[in-house]
């Protein structure tokens, strides 16, 4: 199995960038429930690597919209593929009912507010 070019934390942040149109660092921080300074540092690293880019938000002096670059999108898709394959490998000997129950429980777990 290939190793993703990004960490799980980076993939999570990049996924948050793609989750809504025109997200800002504040949006990403709120969505991931992390401090804005932490999100900003992680975004800066990904920007330096050419995976995320910023665009001035029209009509707002300080706000910047975030989006993945073509390279960022490619790497995130590859990362998702590798992680999905790893999950499939781990549950390969589970019954369909067990996989369904696991997925249901994960949805329930993730739906609860922190």
C-alpha atoms as a PDB file:
ATOM      1  CA  UNK A   1       0.000   0.000   0.000  1.00  0.00           C
ATOM      2  CA  UNK A   2       1.281   3.481  -0.854  1.00  0.00           C
ATOM      3  CA  UNK A   3       1.972   5.999   1.873  1.00  0.00           C
ATOM      4  CA  UNK A   4       0.042   9.270   1.456  1.00  0.00           C
ATOM      5  CA  UNK A   5       2.073  12.417   0.782  1.00  0.00           C
ATOM      6  CA  UNK A   6       0.170  14.194   3.556  1.00  0.00           C
ATOM      7  CA  UNK A   7      -0.556  13.362   7.158  1.00  0.00           C
ATOM      8  CA  UNK A   8      -4.015  12.529   8.443  1.00  0.00           C
ATOM      9  CA  UNK A   9      -4.171  15.970  10.106  1.00  0.00           C
ATOM     10  CA  UNK A  10      -3.247  17.670   6.824  1.00  0.00           C
ATOM     11  CA  UNK A  11      -5.824  15.607   4.935  1.00  0.00           C
ATOM     12  CA  UNK A  12      -8.463  16.538   7.510  1.00  0.00           C
ATOM     13  CA  UNK A  13      -7.675  20.237   7.158  1.00  0.00           C
ATOM     14  CA  UNK A  14      -7.635  20.022   3.358  1.00  0.00           C
ATOM     15  CA  UNK A  15     -10.989  18.218   3.415  1.00  0.00           C
ATOM     16  CA  UNK A  16     -12.394  21.013   5.581  1.00  0.00           C
ATOM     17  CA  UNK A  17     -11.260  23.508   2.929  1.00  0.00           C
ATOM     18  CA  UNK A  18     -13.260  21.620   0.298  1.00  0.00           C
ATOM     19  CA  UNK A  19     -16.361  21.179   2.489  1.00  0.00           C
ATOM     20  CA  UNK A  20     -17.917  24.565   1.735  1.00  0.00           C
ATOM     21  CA  UNK A  21     -17.535  27.308  -0.841  1.00  0.00           C
ATOM     22  CA  UNK A  22     -15.090  30.095   0.009  1.00  0.00           C
ATOM     23  CA  UNK A  23     -13.919  28.952   3.466  1.00  0.00           C
ATOM     24  CA  UNK A  24     -11.624  31.153   5.513  1.00  0.00           C
ATOM     25  CA  UNK A  25      -9.081  30.094   8.141  1.00  0.00           C
ATOM     26  CA  UNK A  26     -11.685  31.017  10.778  1.00  0.00           C
ATOM     27  CA  UNK A  27     -14.218  28.676   9.118  1.00  0.00           C
ATOM     28  CA  UNK A  28     -11.714  25.823   8.981  1.00  0.00           C
ATOM     29  CA  UNK A  29     -10.726  26.333  12.618  1.00  0.00           C
ATOM     30  CA  UNK A  30     -14.369  26.334  13.701  1.00  0.00           C
ATOM     31  CA  UNK A  31     -15.231  23.269  11.620  1.00  0.00           C
ATOM     32  CA  UNK A  32     -12.269  21.321  13.025  1.00  0.00           C
ATOM     33  CA  UNK A  33     -12.717  22.737  16.528  1.00  0.00           C
ATOM     34  CA  UNK A  34      -9.128  23.942  16.701  1.00  0.00           C
ATOM     35  CA  UNK A  35      -7.616  27.295  17.601  1.00  0.00           C
ATOM     36  CA  UNK A  36      -7.433  29.802  14.736  1.00  0.00           C
ATOM     37  CA  UNK A  37      -3.668  30.203  15.222  1.00  0.00           C
ATOM     38  CA  UNK A  38      -3.213  26.427  14.875  1.00  0.00           C
ATOM     39  CA  UNK A  39      -5.301  26.379  11.701  1.00  0.00           C
ATOM     40  CA  UNK A  40      -3.387  29.365  10.311  1.00  0.00           C
ATOM     41  CA  UNK A  41      -0.019  27.681  10.932  1.00  0.00           C
ATOM     42  CA  UNK A  42      -1.156  24.453   9.277  1.00  0.00           C
ATOM     43  CA  UNK A  43      -2.645  26.374   6.342  1.00  0.00           C
ATOM     44  CA  UNK A  44       0.619  28.307   5.897  1.00  0.00           C
ATOM     45  CA  UNK A  45       2.613  25.057   5.725  1.00  0.00           C
ATOM     46  CA  UNK A  46       0.233  23.639   3.119  1.00  0.00           C
ATOM     47  CA  UNK A  47       0.372  26.917   1.201  1.00  0.00           C
ATOM     48  CA  UNK A  48       4.192  26.814   1.172  1.00  0.00           C
ATOM     49  CA  UNK A  49       3.992  23.268  -0.198  1.00  0.00           C
ATOM     50  CA  UNK A  50       1.712  24.494  -3.002  1.00  0.00           C
ATOM     51  CA  UNK A  51      -1.330  22.518  -1.831  1.00  0.00           C
ATOM     52  CA  UNK A  52      -3.557  25.404  -0.701  1.00  0.00           C
ATOM     53  CA  UNK A  53      -3.871  28.924  -2.014  1.00  0.00           C
ATOM     54  CA  UNK A  54      -5.478  32.045  -0.622  1.00  0.00           C
ATOM     55  CA  UNK A  55      -7.595  34.560  -2.485  1.00  0.00           C
ATOM     56  CA  UNK A  56      -8.725  37.943  -1.197  1.00  0.00           C
ATOM     57  CA  UNK A  57     -12.421  37.860  -0.310  1.00  0.00           C
ATOM     58  CA  UNK A  58     -14.221  40.526  -2.342  1.00  0.00           C
ATOM     59  CA  UNK A  59     -15.367  43.451  -0.236  1.00  0.00           C
ATOM     60  CA  UNK A  60     -13.470  42.343   2.881  1.00  0.00           C
ATOM     61  CA  UNK A  61     -10.164  43.882   3.815  1.00  0.00           C
ATOM     62  CA  UNK A  62      -8.705  41.057   5.874  1.00  0.00           C
ATOM     63  CA  UNK A  63     -10.617  37.903   4.968  1.00  0.00           C
ATOM     64  CA  UNK A  64      -9.020  35.442   2.582  1.00  0.00           C
ATOM     65  CA  UNK A  65     -10.759  32.534   0.951  1.00  0.00           C
ATOM     66  CA  UNK A  66      -8.969  29.204   0.839  1.00  0.00           C
ATOM     67  CA  UNK A  67      -8.973  26.590  -1.884  1.00  0.00           C
ATOM     68  CA  UNK A  68      -6.924  23.598  -2.853  1.00  0.00           C
ATOM     69  CA  UNK A  69      -4.543  23.915  -5.766  1.00  0.00           C
ATOM     70  CA  UNK A  70      -4.706  21.295  -8.515  1.00  0.00           C
ATOM     71  CA  UNK A  71      -1.774  19.542  -6.808  1.00  0.00           C
ATOM     72  CA  UNK A  72      -3.529  19.742  -3.437  1.00  0.00           C
ATOM     73  CA  UNK A  73      -6.664  18.216  -4.914  1.00  0.00           C
ATOM     74  CA  UNK A  74      -4.648  15.406  -6.525  1.00  0.00           C
ATOM     75  CA  UNK A  75      -2.783  14.599  -3.319  1.00  0.00           C
ATOM     76  CA  UNK A  76      -5.961  14.699  -1.206  1.00  0.00           C
ATOM     77  CA  UNK A  77      -7.691  12.307  -3.611  1.00  0.00           C
ATOM     78  CA  UNK A  78      -4.706   9.934  -3.493  1.00  0.00           C
ATOM     79  CA  UNK A  79      -4.640  10.151   0.291  1.00  0.00           C
ATOM     80  CA  UNK A  80      -8.350   9.363   0.501  1.00  0.00           C
ATOM     81  CA  UNK A  81      -7.881   6.368  -1.801  1.00  0.00           C
ATOM     82  CA  UNK A  82      -5.036   4.992   0.333  1.00  0.00           C
ATOM     83  CA  UNK A  83      -6.956   5.478   3.568  1.00  0.00           C
ATOM     84  CA  UNK A  84     -10.129   3.889   2.181  1.00  0.00           C
ATOM     85  CA  UNK A  85      -8.094   0.899   0.987  1.00  0.00           C
ATOM     86  CA  UNK A  86      -6.586   0.563   4.483  1.00  0.00           C
ATOM     87  CA  UNK A  87     -10.037   0.620   6.073  1.00  0.00           C
ATOM     88  CA  UNK A  88     -11.349  -1.927   3.576  1.00  0.00           C
ATOM     89  CA  UNK A  89      -8.388  -4.178   4.358  1.00  0.00           C
ATOM     90  CA  UNK A  90      -9.064  -3.969   8.101  1.00  0.00           C
ATOM     91  CA  UNK A  91     -12.734  -4.904   7.745  1.00  0.00           C
ATOM     92  CA  UNK A  92     -12.270  -7.450   4.950  1.00  0.00           C
ATOM     93  CA  UNK A  93     -13.202 -10.382   7.188  1.00  0.00           C
ATOM     94  CA  UNK A  94     -16.208  -8.637   8.758  1.00  0.00           C
ATOM     95  CA  UNK A  95     -19.734  -9.513   7.755  1.00  0.00           C
ATOM     96  CA  UNK A  96     -21.863  -6.972   5.913  1.00  0.00           C
ATOM     97  CA  UNK A  97     -23.914  -6.554   9.088  1.00  0.00           C
ATOM     98  CA  UNK A  98     -20.775  -5.772  11.125  1.00  0.00           C
ATOM     99  CA  UNK A  99     -19.575  -3.206   8.578  1.00  0.00           C
ATOM    100  CA  UNK A 100     -23.027  -1.593   8.555  1.00  0.00           C
ATOM    101  CA  UNK A 101     -23.146  -1.498  12.350  1.00  0.00           C
ATOM    102  CA  UNK A 102     -19.637  -0.017  12.521  1.00  0.00           C
ATOM    103  CA  UNK A 103     -20.536   2.678   9.959  1.00  0.00           C
ATOM    104  CA  UNK A 104     -23.756   3.483  11.836  1.00  0.00           C
ATOM    105  CA  UNK A 105     -21.888   3.804  15.123  1.00  0.00           C
ATOM    106  CA  UNK A 106     -19.219   6.031  13.563  1.00  0.00           C
ATOM    107  CA  UNK A 107     -21.897   8.316  12.101  1.00  0.00           C
ATOM    108  CA  UNK A 108     -23.557   8.493  15.513  1.00  0.00           C
ATOM    109  CA  UNK A 109     -20.222   9.185  17.229  1.00  0.00           C
ATOM    110  CA  UNK A 110     -19.287  11.924  14.763  1.00  0.00           C
ATOM    111  CA  UNK A 111     -22.711  13.557  14.928  1.00  0.00           C
ATOM    112  CA  UNK A 112     -22.466  14.273  18.661  1.00  0.00           C
ATOM    113  CA  UNK A 113     -21.331  17.756  19.591  1.00  0.00           C
ATOM    114  CA  UNK A 114     -18.016  17.943  21.403  1.00  0.00           C
END
